[in-house]
Amino acid sequence: MKKTLLFSAAGLALMSMAACSGNCNKNGECVKSDIDEVYTGVIPAADTDGIRYTLTLDYDDEGKDGDYKLVETYIQSDSTSATGYSDVKTYASEGDFKVEKKGDKTYIKLIKDQKDSQAGSVETPIYFLVDSDSTITMTNNQLEVSQNPGLNYTLKK
């Protein structure tokens, strides 16, 4: 009985330490630092039926900035596919992101890593307006949402 109790206590202690795994502040309180958010959606495109965006945000310990990975898959209507679409071409990029406040609005700014950029080119950041806890909307460089009716630039968690 004592061995079972001892092993149970040891197991609980190990699980407790693994849950924090170095993410404790000066007061010994554990904080959640590895926050990942994944947003997906289909954005309009001129030369195909749309671009499926999958944006993964990996927040740093402070929860304000971090790293991102963006997968853009160009899709085309396909009546033989179970989903009604087929993938034409997929591009992946990664880099850093920053959460910025402009007035009463919050934006996410994606800054592509130089290794993903073509030699000699300067990449323009991609901006998203944070609409709610579960949606973000792509904006232009002036932080304006598209006013074209029927075109949806929103990604959802």
C-alpha atoms as a PDB file:
ATOM      1  CA  MET A   1       0.000   0.000   0.000  1.00  0.00           C
ATOM      2  CA  LYS A   2       2.816   2.394   0.901  1.00  0.00           C
ATOM      3  CA  LYS A   3       4.586   1.655  -2.403  1.00  0.00           C
ATOM      4  CA  THR A   4       1.428   2.415  -4.388  1.00  0.00           C
ATOM      5  CA  LEU A   5       0.971   5.686  -2.538  1.00  0.00           C
ATOM      6  CA  LEU A   6       4.643   6.566  -3.031  1.00  0.00           C
ATOM      7  CA  PHE A   7       4.508   5.822  -6.777  1.00  0.00           C
ATOM      8  CA  SER A   8       1.272   7.791  -7.142  1.00  0.00           C
ATOM      9  CA  ALA A   9       2.791  10.800  -5.382  1.00  0.00           C
ATOM     10  CA  ALA A  10       5.925  10.573  -7.529  1.00  0.00           C
ATOM     11  CA  GLY A  11       3.820  10.329 -10.694  1.00  0.00           C
ATOM     12  CA  LEU A  12       1.783  13.400  -9.736  1.00  0.00           C
ATOM     13  CA  ALA A  13       4.959  15.336  -8.986  1.00  0.00           C
ATOM     14  CA  LEU A  14       6.425  14.420 -12.374  1.00  0.00           C
ATOM     15  CA  MET A  15       3.227  15.405 -14.210  1.00  0.00           C
ATOM     16  CA  SER A  16       3.160  18.693 -12.325  1.00  0.00           C
ATOM     17  CA  MET A  17       6.744  19.479 -13.295  1.00  0.00           C
ATOM     18  CA  ALA A  18       6.161  18.440 -16.913  1.00  0.00           C
ATOM     19  CA  ALA A  19       3.100  20.696 -17.145  1.00  0.00           C
ATOM     20  CA  CYS A  20       5.183  23.718 -16.239  1.00  0.00           C
ATOM     21  CA  SER A  21       8.422  22.533 -17.868  1.00  0.00           C
ATOM     22  CA  GLY A  22      10.330  25.731 -17.288  1.00  0.00           C
ATOM     23  CA  ASN A  23       7.457  28.138 -17.926  1.00  0.00           C
ATOM     24  CA  CYS A  24       7.312  29.518 -14.412  1.00  0.00           C
ATOM     25  CA  ASN A  25       7.722  33.144 -13.442  1.00  0.00           C
ATOM     26  CA  LYS A  26       9.802  34.521 -10.563  1.00  0.00           C
ATOM     27  CA  ASN A  27       7.043  33.723  -8.062  1.00  0.00           C
ATOM     28  CA  GLY A  28       7.023  30.069  -9.102  1.00  0.00           C
ATOM     29  CA  GLU A  29       3.657  30.378 -10.851  1.00  0.00           C
ATOM     30  CA  CYS A  30       3.363  28.406 -14.062  1.00  0.00           C
ATOM     31  CA  VAL A  31       2.246  30.316 -17.138  1.00  0.00           C
ATOM     32  CA  LYS A  32       1.116  29.085 -20.529  1.00  0.00           C
ATOM     33  CA  SER A  33       3.723  30.249 -23.006  1.00  0.00           C
ATOM     34  CA  ASP A  34       3.416  27.990 -26.026  1.00  0.00           C
ATOM     35  CA  ILE A  35       0.311  29.419 -27.643  1.00  0.00           C
ATOM     36  CA  ASP A  36      -0.472  28.313 -31.184  1.00  0.00           C
ATOM     37  CA  GLU A  37      -3.377  29.607 -33.220  1.00  0.00           C
ATOM     38  CA  VAL A  38      -4.396  28.245 -36.622  1.00  0.00           C
ATOM     39  CA  TYR A  39      -6.598  30.244 -38.994  1.00  0.00           C
ATOM     40  CA  THR A  40      -7.982  28.932 -42.289  1.00  0.00           C
ATOM     41  CA  GLY A  41     -10.148  30.228 -45.089  1.00  0.00           C
ATOM     42  CA  VAL A  42     -10.440  30.610 -48.848  1.00  0.00           C
ATOM     43  CA  ILE A  43      -9.494  34.014 -50.199  1.00  0.00           C
ATOM     44  CA  PRO A  44     -10.532  35.216 -53.684  1.00  0.00           C
ATOM     45  CA  ALA A  45      -7.997  35.021 -56.510  1.00  0.00           C
ATOM     46  CA  ALA A  46      -7.955  36.441 -60.030  1.00  0.00           C
ATOM     47  CA  ASP A  47      -6.554  33.430 -61.891  1.00  0.00           C
ATOM     48  CA  THR A  48      -8.106  30.528 -59.962  1.00  0.00           C
ATOM     49  CA  ASP A  49     -11.229  29.739 -57.930  1.00  0.00           C
ATOM     50  CA  GLY A  50      -9.499  30.806 -54.721  1.00  0.00           C
ATOM     51  CA  ILE A  51      -6.519  30.438 -52.433  1.00  0.00           C
ATOM     52  CA  ARG A  52      -6.893  28.338 -49.297  1.00  0.00           C
ATOM     53  CA  TYR A  53      -4.879  30.011 -46.557  1.00  0.00           C
ATOM     54  CA  THR A  54      -3.687  28.115 -43.493  1.00  0.00           C
ATOM     55  CA  LEU A  55      -1.953  30.513 -41.110  1.00  0.00           C
ATOM     56  CA  THR A  56      -0.299  29.179 -37.960  1.00  0.00           C
ATOM     57  CA  LEU A  57       0.770  31.723 -35.346  1.00  0.00           C
ATOM     58  CA  ASP A  58       3.246  30.509 -32.718  1.00  0.00           C
ATOM     59  CA  TYR A  59       3.342  33.149 -29.982  1.00  0.00           C
ATOM     60  CA  ASP A  60       6.505  33.860 -27.985  1.00  0.00           C
ATOM     61  CA  ASP A  61       6.493  33.656 -24.188  1.00  0.00           C
ATOM     62  CA  GLU A  62       5.129  37.192 -23.800  1.00  0.00           C
ATOM     63  CA  GLY A  63       2.149  36.385 -26.047  1.00  0.00           C
ATOM     64  CA  LYS A  64       2.482  39.477 -28.269  1.00  0.00           C
ATOM     65  CA  ASP A  65       4.737  38.455 -31.155  1.00  0.00           C
ATOM     66  CA  GLY A  66       6.137  35.231 -32.544  1.00  0.00           C
ATOM     67  CA  ASP A  67       6.694  33.112 -35.610  1.00  0.00           C
ATOM     68  CA  TYR A  68       4.240  32.226 -38.344  1.00  0.00           C
ATOM     69  CA  LYS A  69       3.872  29.643 -41.063  1.00  0.00           C
ATOM     70  CA  LEU A  70       1.598  30.366 -44.005  1.00  0.00           C
ATOM     71  CA  VAL A  71       0.492  27.732 -46.516  1.00  0.00           C
ATOM     72  CA  GLU A  72      -1.249  29.082 -49.625  1.00  0.00           C
ATOM     73  CA  THR A  73      -2.949  26.466 -51.787  1.00  0.00           C
ATOM     74  CA  TYR A  74      -4.425  27.550 -55.101  1.00  0.00           C
ATOM     75  CA  ILE A  75      -7.665  25.651 -55.700  1.00  0.00           C
ATOM     76  CA  GLN A  76      -9.832  25.004 -58.736  1.00  0.00           C
ATOM     77  CA  SER A  77     -13.350  23.639 -59.117  1.00  0.00           C
ATOM     78  CA  ASP A  78     -13.363  19.882 -59.665  1.00  0.00           C
ATOM     79  CA  SER A  79     -16.669  18.029 -59.904  1.00  0.00           C
ATOM     80  CA  THR A  80     -14.914  14.660 -59.505  1.00  0.00           C
ATOM     81  CA  SER A  81     -13.407  15.573 -56.130  1.00  0.00           C
ATOM     82  CA  ALA A  82     -15.258  14.814 -52.885  1.00  0.00           C
ATOM     83  CA  THR A  83     -14.735  18.427 -51.741  1.00  0.00           C
ATOM     84  CA  GLY A  84     -15.627  19.963 -55.111  1.00  0.00           C
ATOM     85  CA  TYR A  85     -12.130  21.440 -55.411  1.00  0.00           C
ATOM     86  CA  SER A  86      -8.690  20.223 -56.365  1.00  0.00           C
ATOM     87  CA  ASP A  87      -5.349  21.649 -55.328  1.00  0.00           C
ATOM     88  CA  VAL A  88      -3.432  23.262 -58.177  1.00  0.00           C
ATOM     89  CA  LYS A  89      -0.278  24.600 -56.502  1.00  0.00           C
ATOM     90  CA  THR A  90       0.874  25.071 -52.904  1.00  0.00           C
ATOM     91  CA  TYR A  91       3.330  27.624 -51.529  1.00  0.00           C
ATOM     92  CA  ALA A  92       4.641  27.809 -47.985  1.00  0.00           C
ATOM     93  CA  SER A  93       6.351  30.707 -46.259  1.00  0.00           C
ATOM     94  CA  GLU A  94       7.367  31.522 -42.740  1.00  0.00           C
ATOM     95  CA  GLY A  95       8.683  34.401 -40.744  1.00  0.00           C
ATOM     96  CA  ASP A  96       7.897  36.598 -37.783  1.00  0.00           C
ATOM     97  CA  PHE A  97       4.679  38.307 -36.844  1.00  0.00           C
ATOM     98  CA  LYS A  98       3.931  41.301 -34.686  1.00  0.00           C
ATOM     99  CA  VAL A  99       0.686  42.280 -33.010  1.00  0.00           C
ATOM    100  CA  GLU A 100       0.170  46.034 -33.486  1.00  0.00           C
ATOM    101  CA  LYS A 101      -2.449  48.423 -32.111  1.00  0.00           C
ATOM    102  CA  LYS A 102      -3.657  51.287 -34.311  1.00  0.00           C
ATOM    103  CA  GLY A 103      -6.256  53.320 -32.472  1.00  0.00           C
ATOM    104  CA  ASP A 104      -8.889  50.943 -31.174  1.00  0.00           C
ATOM    105  CA  LYS A 105      -8.030  48.184 -33.684  1.00  0.00           C
ATOM    106  CA  THR A 106      -5.526  45.337 -33.443  1.00  0.00           C
ATOM    107  CA  TYR A 107      -3.571  44.053 -36.441  1.00  0.00           C
ATOM    108  CA  ILE A 108      -1.260  41.126 -37.110  1.00  0.00           C
ATOM    109  CA  LYS A 109       1.700  41.977 -39.346  1.00  0.00           C
ATOM    110  CA  LEU A 110       3.428  39.057 -41.117  1.00  0.00           C
ATOM    111  CA  ILE A 111       7.087  39.648 -42.012  1.00  0.00           C
ATOM    112  CA  LYS A 112       8.472  36.960 -44.321  1.00  0.00           C
ATOM    113  CA  ASP A 113      11.901  35.460 -43.591  1.00  0.00           C
ATOM    114  CA  GLN A 114      14.586  36.589 -46.034  1.00  0.00           C
ATOM    115  CA  LYS A 115      15.400  32.968 -46.925  1.00  0.00           C
ATOM    116  CA  ASP A 116      11.911  32.618 -48.442  1.00  0.00           C
ATOM    117  CA  SER A 117      12.275  35.809 -50.492  1.00  0.00           C
ATOM    118  CA  GLN A 118      13.687  35.942 -53.983  1.00  0.00           C
ATOM    119  CA  ALA A 119      17.188  37.366 -54.242  1.00  0.00           C
ATOM    120  CA  GLY A 120      17.193  41.150 -54.285  1.00  0.00           C
ATOM    121  CA  SER A 121      13.465  41.526 -53.668  1.00  0.00           C
ATOM    122  CA  VAL A 122      11.890  43.339 -50.756  1.00  0.00           C
ATOM    123  CA  GLU A 123       8.846  41.561 -49.379  1.00  0.00           C
ATOM    124  CA  THR A 124       5.781  43.596 -48.484  1.00  0.00           C
ATOM    125  CA  PRO A 125       4.310  42.605 -45.121  1.00  0.00           C
ATOM    126  CA  ILE A 126       0.858  41.021 -45.023  1.00  0.00           C
ATOM    127  CA  TYR A 127      -1.631  42.552 -42.583  1.00  0.00           C
ATOM    128  CA  PHE A 128      -4.689  41.060 -40.898  1.00  0.00           C
ATOM    129  CA  LEU A 129      -7.275  42.911 -38.838  1.00  0.00           C
ATOM    130  CA  VAL A 130      -8.225  41.022 -35.676  1.00  0.00           C
ATOM    131  CA  ASP A 131     -12.035  40.974 -35.860  1.00  0.00           C
ATOM    132  CA  SER A 132     -12.677  38.753 -32.844  1.00  0.00           C
ATOM    133  CA  ASP A 133     -11.110  35.930 -30.847  1.00  0.00           C
ATOM    134  CA  SER A 134     -11.804  33.578 -33.728  1.00  0.00           C
ATOM    135  CA  THR A 135     -11.573  35.626 -36.964  1.00  0.00           C
ATOM    136  CA  ILE A 136      -9.041  37.807 -38.751  1.00  0.00           C
ATOM    137  CA  THR A 137      -9.455  39.658 -42.060  1.00  0.00           C
ATOM    138  CA  MET A 138      -6.730  40.393 -44.601  1.00  0.00           C
ATOM    139  CA  THR A 139      -6.182  44.111 -45.279  1.00  0.00           C
ATOM    140  CA  ASN A 140      -4.140  46.132 -47.735  1.00  0.00           C
ATOM    141  CA  ASN A 141      -0.933  47.987 -46.773  1.00  0.00           C
ATOM    142  CA  GLN A 142      -3.003  50.990 -45.631  1.00  0.00           C
ATOM    143  CA  LEU A 143      -4.791  48.629 -43.181  1.00  0.00           C
ATOM    144  CA  GLU A 144      -8.073  48.897 -45.086  1.00  0.00           C
ATOM    145  CA  VAL A 145     -10.435  45.937 -45.471  1.00  0.00           C
ATOM    146  CA  SER A 146     -11.654  45.254 -49.030  1.00  0.00           C
ATOM    147  CA  GLN A 147     -14.915  47.036 -49.846  1.00  0.00           C
ATOM    148  CA  ASN A 148     -15.708  44.773 -52.827  1.00  0.00           C
ATOM    149  CA  PRO A 149     -19.092  43.168 -52.193  1.00  0.00           C
ATOM    150  CA  GLY A 150     -19.083  39.378 -52.283  1.00  0.00           C
ATOM    151  CA  LEU A 151     -15.330  39.013 -51.728  1.00  0.00           C
ATOM    152  CA  ASN A 152     -14.471  37.449 -48.379  1.00  0.00           C
ATOM    153  CA  TYR A 153     -10.935  37.883 -47.005  1.00  0.00           C
ATOM    154  CA  THR A 154     -11.664  36.437 -43.547  1.00  0.00           C
ATOM    155  CA  LEU A 155      -9.836  33.513 -41.916  1.00  0.00           C
ATOM    156  CA  LYS A 156     -11.336  31.589 -38.991  1.00  0.00           C
ATOM    157  CA  LYS A 157      -9.830  29.556 -36.157  1.00  0.00           C
END
